[in-house]
Structure formats: structure tokens, C-alpha cells
Amino acid sequence: MEINEITGEIIGCCIEIHKELGPGLLESAYEECLAYELNNAGLFFERQKPIPVRYKEIYIEYGYRMDFVVENEVIVELKSVELMSNVHTAQILTYMKFAQINAGLLINFNVAILKNGIKRFIN
């Protein structure tokens, strides 16, 4: 699958969840539902995938945890916050850099219309 197809499938899964549940839940609830939807869509994914971090001589095996990596091509970071901030953008860009993955979706479920809570990143 191409990146556009993968991100389209992921966004479709998120829209389905948001239509059913709406905003206001904890991130962990949306994460569980997205795992269900990705599985039903037949997409390969890893959940809470650790990213090691190397700093000088220090190796931190679990420096970060990505919410999802889908088809080994797209990082998906979920949020349920009132407002997205630059810190959230920096977080997914850092994940993409350390994991050497060129595509990412930052999805905030705590919005009235989900399309307003989606940011797509391509390196």
C-alpha cells in the first residue's frame, strides 16, 4: 500500500470511532478502539512501540513509545486535548526522526469535527 492509501484507511478508522463515540473520552479509550478498527481493516500495526534513544554513550532502550506504527510506514499519535500545541507537533516529528519513518498522523479526538483534529506529516 502507498502512504496515501494507508493514511486514508487510518483516518477512515478514526472517523468511524469519532462518529460513534464523539469527543471527551480519555486517549486510552480511543487507542483501544483504533486497535480494533485497524485490525478489522486488515492493517498490520504495532501498538505502544518503543523507540530507543542514544545520547552520547547512553542508550535508553525505551526512550519513547509511539501509540501506533501502521504497516511499518505511518506513525499515529493520538491525543484527546482541548488544543493541539507545538509540543504535540514536535513530539510526532521526533518520533518520525528516531524511528526513521517518513509519515505521521497526529489525531486529536477532542474536537467537534474530527477533520479539524487531524494533522498529517510527510518527510
C-alpha atoms as a PDB file:
ATOM      1  CA  MET A   1       0.000   0.000   0.000  1.00  0.00           C
ATOM      2  CA  GLU A   2       1.086   3.550  -0.657  1.00  0.00           C
ATOM      3  CA  ILE A   3       1.336   6.145   2.120  1.00  0.00           C
ATOM      4  CA  ASN A   4      -1.811   7.944   0.921  1.00  0.00           C
ATOM      5  CA  GLU A   5      -3.804   4.712   0.995  1.00  0.00           C
ATOM      6  CA  ILE A   6      -2.535   3.808   4.462  1.00  0.00           C
ATOM      7  CA  THR A   7      -3.210   7.253   5.923  1.00  0.00           C
ATOM      8  CA  GLY A   8      -6.634   7.270   4.262  1.00  0.00           C
ATOM      9  CA  GLU A   9      -7.518   3.942   5.884  1.00  0.00           C
ATOM     10  CA  ILE A  10      -6.295   5.137   9.287  1.00  0.00           C
ATOM     11  CA  ILE A  11      -8.252   8.384   9.041  1.00  0.00           C
ATOM     12  CA  GLY A  12     -11.342   6.432   7.992  1.00  0.00           C
ATOM     13  CA  CYS A  13     -10.987   4.248  11.086  1.00  0.00           C
ATOM     14  CA  CYS A  14     -10.648   7.341  13.276  1.00  0.00           C
ATOM     15  CA  ILE A  15     -13.702   8.981  11.712  1.00  0.00           C
ATOM     16  CA  GLU A  16     -15.717   5.838  12.425  1.00  0.00           C
ATOM     17  CA  ILE A  17     -14.643   5.923  16.082  1.00  0.00           C
ATOM     18  CA  HIS A  18     -15.375   9.638  16.410  1.00  0.00           C
ATOM     19  CA  LYS A  19     -18.817   9.251  14.782  1.00  0.00           C
ATOM     20  CA  GLU A  20     -19.683   6.532  17.297  1.00  0.00           C
ATOM     21  CA  LEU A  21     -18.115   7.930  20.475  1.00  0.00           C
ATOM     22  CA  GLY A  22     -17.627  11.654  19.899  1.00  0.00           C
ATOM     23  CA  PRO A  23     -15.165  13.820  21.845  1.00  0.00           C
ATOM     24  CA  GLY A  24     -14.470  13.811  25.571  1.00  0.00           C
ATOM     25  CA  LEU A  25     -13.037  10.371  26.314  1.00  0.00           C
ATOM     26  CA  LEU A  26      -9.567   9.545  27.547  1.00  0.00           C
ATOM     27  CA  GLU A  27      -6.876   8.902  24.953  1.00  0.00           C
ATOM     28  CA  SER A  28      -6.624   5.278  26.122  1.00  0.00           C
ATOM     29  CA  ALA A  29     -10.243   4.608  25.104  1.00  0.00           C
ATOM     30  CA  TYR A  30      -9.640   5.926  21.594  1.00  0.00           C
ATOM     31  CA  GLU A  31      -6.431   3.896  21.401  1.00  0.00           C
ATOM     32  CA  GLU A  32      -8.262   0.675  22.222  1.00  0.00           C
ATOM     33  CA  CYS A  33     -10.938   1.447  19.639  1.00  0.00           C
ATOM     34  CA  LEU A  34      -8.365   2.299  16.969  1.00  0.00           C
ATOM     35  CA  ALA A  35      -6.604  -1.023  17.542  1.00  0.00           C
ATOM     36  CA  TYR A  36      -9.960  -2.738  16.991  1.00  0.00           C
ATOM     37  CA  GLU A  37     -10.675  -0.776  13.803  1.00  0.00           C
ATOM     38  CA  LEU A  38      -7.176  -1.226  12.337  1.00  0.00           C
ATOM     39  CA  ASN A  39      -7.408  -4.953  12.961  1.00  0.00           C
ATOM     40  CA  ASN A  40     -10.828  -5.110  11.256  1.00  0.00           C
ATOM     41  CA  ALA A  41      -9.408  -3.155   8.312  1.00  0.00           C
ATOM     42  CA  GLY A  42      -6.698  -5.802   7.912  1.00  0.00           C
ATOM     43  CA  LEU A  43      -3.859  -3.372   8.551  1.00  0.00           C
ATOM     44  CA  PHE A  44      -0.658  -4.532  10.221  1.00  0.00           C
ATOM     45  CA  PHE A  45       0.147  -2.389  13.237  1.00  0.00           C
ATOM     46  CA  GLU A  46       2.269  -2.266  16.341  1.00  0.00           C
ATOM     47  CA  ARG A  47       0.901  -0.579  19.431  1.00  0.00           C
ATOM     48  CA  GLN A  48       2.897   1.291  22.082  1.00  0.00           C
ATOM     49  CA  LYS A  49       6.042   0.554  20.095  1.00  0.00           C
ATOM     50  CA  PRO A  50       9.197   1.619  21.934  1.00  0.00           C
ATOM     51  CA  ILE A  51      11.816   3.804  20.276  1.00  0.00           C
ATOM     52  CA  PRO A  52      15.321   3.633  21.677  1.00  0.00           C
ATOM     53  CA  VAL A  53      17.243   6.847  22.174  1.00  0.00           C
ATOM     54  CA  ARG A  54      21.002   7.236  22.060  1.00  0.00           C
ATOM     55  CA  TYR A  55      22.589  10.201  23.760  1.00  0.00           C
ATOM     56  CA  LYS A  56      26.376  10.242  23.640  1.00  0.00           C
ATOM     57  CA  GLU A  57      27.372   6.994  25.413  1.00  0.00           C
ATOM     58  CA  ILE A  58      23.916   6.421  26.907  1.00  0.00           C
ATOM     59  CA  TYR A  59      21.455   4.037  25.280  1.00  0.00           C
ATOM     60  CA  ILE A  60      17.874   4.327  26.525  1.00  0.00           C
ATOM     61  CA  GLU A  61      16.002   1.271  25.286  1.00  0.00           C
ATOM     62  CA  TYR A  62      12.538   2.721  25.928  1.00  0.00           C
ATOM     63  CA  GLY A  63      13.120   6.428  25.364  1.00  0.00           C
ATOM     64  CA  TYR A  64       9.712   6.920  23.750  1.00  0.00           C
ATOM     65  CA  ARG A  65       6.606   4.894  22.988  1.00  0.00           C
ATOM     66  CA  MET A  66       4.681   5.531  19.800  1.00  0.00           C
ATOM     67  CA  ASP A  67       0.926   4.951  20.048  1.00  0.00           C
ATOM     68  CA  PHE A  68       0.840   3.093  16.714  1.00  0.00           C
ATOM     69  CA  VAL A  69       3.038   2.242  13.774  1.00  0.00           C
ATOM     70  CA  VAL A  70       0.853   1.106  10.881  1.00  0.00           C
ATOM     71  CA  GLU A  71       2.183  -1.026   8.023  1.00  0.00           C
ATOM     72  CA  ASN A  72       5.723  -0.069   9.143  1.00  0.00           C
ATOM     73  CA  GLU A  73       5.113   3.196   7.251  1.00  0.00           C
ATOM     74  CA  VAL A  74       2.992   5.579   9.349  1.00  0.00           C
ATOM     75  CA  ILE A  75       3.281   6.699  12.967  1.00  0.00           C
ATOM     76  CA  VAL A  76      -0.057   7.513  14.563  1.00  0.00           C
ATOM     77  CA  GLU A  77      -0.066   9.617  17.707  1.00  0.00           C
ATOM     78  CA  LEU A  78      -3.414  10.031  19.442  1.00  0.00           C
ATOM     79  CA  LYS A  79      -4.482  12.922  21.629  1.00  0.00           C
ATOM     80  CA  SER A  80      -7.598  13.919  23.497  1.00  0.00           C
ATOM     81  CA  VAL A  81      -6.779  17.509  24.392  1.00  0.00           C
ATOM     82  CA  GLU A  82      -8.583  20.830  24.277  1.00  0.00           C
ATOM     83  CA  LEU A  83      -5.979  22.408  21.993  1.00  0.00           C
ATOM     84  CA  MET A  84      -3.110  20.989  19.996  1.00  0.00           C
ATOM     85  CA  SER A  85       0.162  22.730  20.679  1.00  0.00           C
ATOM     86  CA  ASN A  86       3.614  22.971  19.149  1.00  0.00           C
ATOM     87  CA  VAL A  87       4.765  20.374  21.690  1.00  0.00           C
ATOM     88  CA  HIS A  88       2.465  17.786  20.092  1.00  0.00           C
ATOM     89  CA  THR A  89       3.881  18.566  16.660  1.00  0.00           C
ATOM     90  CA  ALA A  90       7.435  18.354  17.998  1.00  0.00           C
ATOM     91  CA  GLN A  91       6.607  15.005  19.600  1.00  0.00           C
ATOM     92  CA  ILE A  92       5.491  13.309  16.392  1.00  0.00           C
ATOM     93  CA  LEU A  93       8.338  14.840  14.379  1.00  0.00           C
ATOM     94  CA  THR A  94      10.806  13.499  16.951  1.00  0.00           C
ATOM     95  CA  TYR A  95       9.186  10.053  16.775  1.00  0.00           C
ATOM     96  CA  MET A  96       9.468  10.119  12.984  1.00  0.00           C
ATOM     97  CA  LYS A  97      13.134  11.109  13.182  1.00  0.00           C
ATOM     98  CA  PHE A  98      14.174   8.499  15.747  1.00  0.00           C
ATOM     99  CA  ALA A  99      12.090   5.706  14.178  1.00  0.00           C
ATOM    100  CA  GLN A 100      13.211   6.705  10.651  1.00  0.00           C
ATOM    101  CA  ILE A 101       9.625   6.686   9.422  1.00  0.00           C
ATOM    102  CA  ASN A 102       8.636   9.358   6.914  1.00  0.00           C
ATOM    103  CA  ALA A 103       4.896   9.682   7.568  1.00  0.00           C
ATOM    104  CA  GLY A 104       2.892  10.532  10.637  1.00  0.00           C
ATOM    105  CA  LEU A 105      -0.633  11.346  11.729  1.00  0.00           C
ATOM    106  CA  LEU A 106      -1.371  13.403  14.811  1.00  0.00           C
ATOM    107  CA  ILE A 107      -5.024  12.911  15.707  1.00  0.00           C
ATOM    108  CA  ASN A 108      -6.903  14.822  18.392  1.00  0.00           C
ATOM    109  CA  PHE A 109     -10.255  13.212  19.180  1.00  0.00           C
ATOM    110  CA  ASN A 110     -11.372  16.026  21.488  1.00  0.00           C
ATOM    111  CA  VAL A 111     -12.900  18.141  18.712  1.00  0.00           C
ATOM    112  CA  ALA A 112     -16.455  18.544  17.421  1.00  0.00           C
ATOM    113  CA  ILE A 113     -15.472  17.620  13.842  1.00  0.00           C
ATOM    114  CA  LEU A 114     -12.606  15.139  13.572  1.00  0.00           C
ATOM    115  CA  LYS A 115     -11.131  16.599  10.362  1.00  0.00           C
ATOM    116  CA  ASN A 116     -10.251  19.665  12.468  1.00  0.00           C
ATOM    117  CA  GLY A 117      -8.183  17.449  14.771  1.00  0.00           C
ATOM    118  CA  ILE A 118      -6.021  15.726  12.148  1.00  0.00           C
ATOM    119  CA  LYS A 119      -2.503  16.783  11.165  1.00  0.00           C
ATOM    120  CA  ARG A 120      -0.573  14.820   8.541  1.00  0.00           C
ATOM    121  CA  PHE A 121       3.218  14.903   8.320  1.00  0.00           C
ATOM    122  CA  ILE A 122       5.435  13.693   5.476  1.00  0.00           C
ATOM    123  CA  ASN A 123       9.244  13.989   5.422  1.00  0.00           C
END
